Amino acid sequence: MSQWAAVNARRLLAALLRIGWSIKRESGSHRTLSRPDWPDVVFAFHDSDEIGPRMLAHIAKRTGLQPEDL
């Protein structure tokens, strides 16, 4: 079983902002997030989209997000 549970995009974005990511630029539902010493990440979800465990694991690998951050 995965350690990740599905979550909506608004909650995920809030968690990323809490751990040090910031919105660099925004165009529609596409947000480019930046964090010192990490490559930029494009966050391309609408606020109400549900993000499943596999996508969360992929995002976590690129952002340093941990399950307890949610």
Protein backbone atom coordinates (compact mmCIF):
# COMPACT_ATOMS: atom_id res chain seq x y z
CA MET A 1 0.00 0.00 0.00
CA SER A 2 1.21 3.49 -0.82
CA GLN A 3 2.18 5.92 1.93
CA TRP A 4 0.41 8.65 -0.07
CA ALA A 5 -3.34 9.26 0.00
CA ALA A 6 -5.22 11.27 -2.62
CA VAL A 7 -5.42 14.99 -1.92
CA ASN A 8 -6.84 18.00 -3.74
CA ALA A 9 -4.48 20.37 -5.54
CA ARG A 10 -5.20 23.36 -3.29
CA ARG A 11 -4.06 21.41 -0.23
CA LEU A 12 -0.95 20.14 -2.05
CA LEU A 13 0.01 23.64 -3.16
CA ALA A 14 -0.43 24.93 0.40
CA ALA A 15 1.86 22.16 1.68
CA LEU A 16 4.52 23.01 -0.92
CA LEU A 17 4.38 26.67 0.05
CA ARG A 18 4.77 25.71 3.75
CA ILE A 19 7.96 23.73 3.07
CA GLY A 20 9.66 26.60 1.30
CA TRP A 21 8.43 26.67 -2.31
CA SER A 22 7.18 29.98 -3.69
CA ILE A 23 5.20 30.91 -6.78
CA LYS A 24 7.62 32.38 -9.30
CA ARG A 25 5.05 33.06 -12.02
CA GLU A 26 1.49 32.08 -12.91
CA SER A 27 -0.42 31.69 -16.15
CA GLY A 28 -3.94 30.32 -15.80
CA SER A 29 -3.77 27.09 -13.83
CA HIS A 30 -0.03 26.68 -14.50
CA ARG A 31 2.19 27.89 -11.68
CA THR A 32 5.96 27.76 -11.75
CA LEU A 33 7.29 27.10 -8.26
CA SER A 34 10.82 27.86 -7.15
CA ARG A 35 12.92 27.02 -4.11
CA PRO A 36 16.60 27.77 -3.49
CA ASP A 37 18.91 24.89 -4.51
CA TRP A 38 16.08 23.03 -6.32
CA PRO A 39 15.14 23.12 -10.01
CA ASP A 40 11.87 24.95 -10.78
CA VAL A 41 8.70 22.83 -10.85
CA VAL A 42 5.58 23.48 -12.92
CA PHE A 43 2.40 22.93 -10.92
CA ALA A 44 -0.34 22.51 -13.54
CA PHE A 45 -3.48 21.59 -11.61
CA HIS A 46 -6.77 23.36 -10.96
CA ASP A 47 -7.45 23.94 -7.25
CA SER A 48 -10.25 21.37 -7.09
CA ASP A 49 -8.38 18.61 -8.98
CA GLU A 50 -7.80 15.43 -6.99
CA ILE A 51 -4.22 14.20 -7.15
CA GLY A 52 -3.73 10.49 -6.66
CA PRO A 53 -1.01 8.58 -4.81
CA ARG A 54 1.18 7.87 -7.86
CA MET A 55 1.25 11.50 -8.96
CA LEU A 56 1.91 12.60 -5.37
CA ALA A 57 4.90 10.25 -5.18
CA HIS A 58 6.23 11.72 -8.43
CA ILE A 59 5.77 15.29 -7.17
CA ALA A 60 7.38 14.40 -3.84
CA LYS A 61 10.49 13.09 -5.59
CA ARG A 62 10.92 16.41 -7.41
CA THR A 63 10.03 18.71 -4.48
CA GLY A 64 11.17 17.02 -1.27
CA LEU A 65 7.59 16.74 -0.01
CA GLN A 66 6.97 14.18 2.75
CA PRO A 67 3.60 12.56 3.64
CA GLU A 68 3.58 14.32 7.02
CA ASP A 69 3.81 17.72 5.24
CA LEU A 70 0.25 17.29 3.99
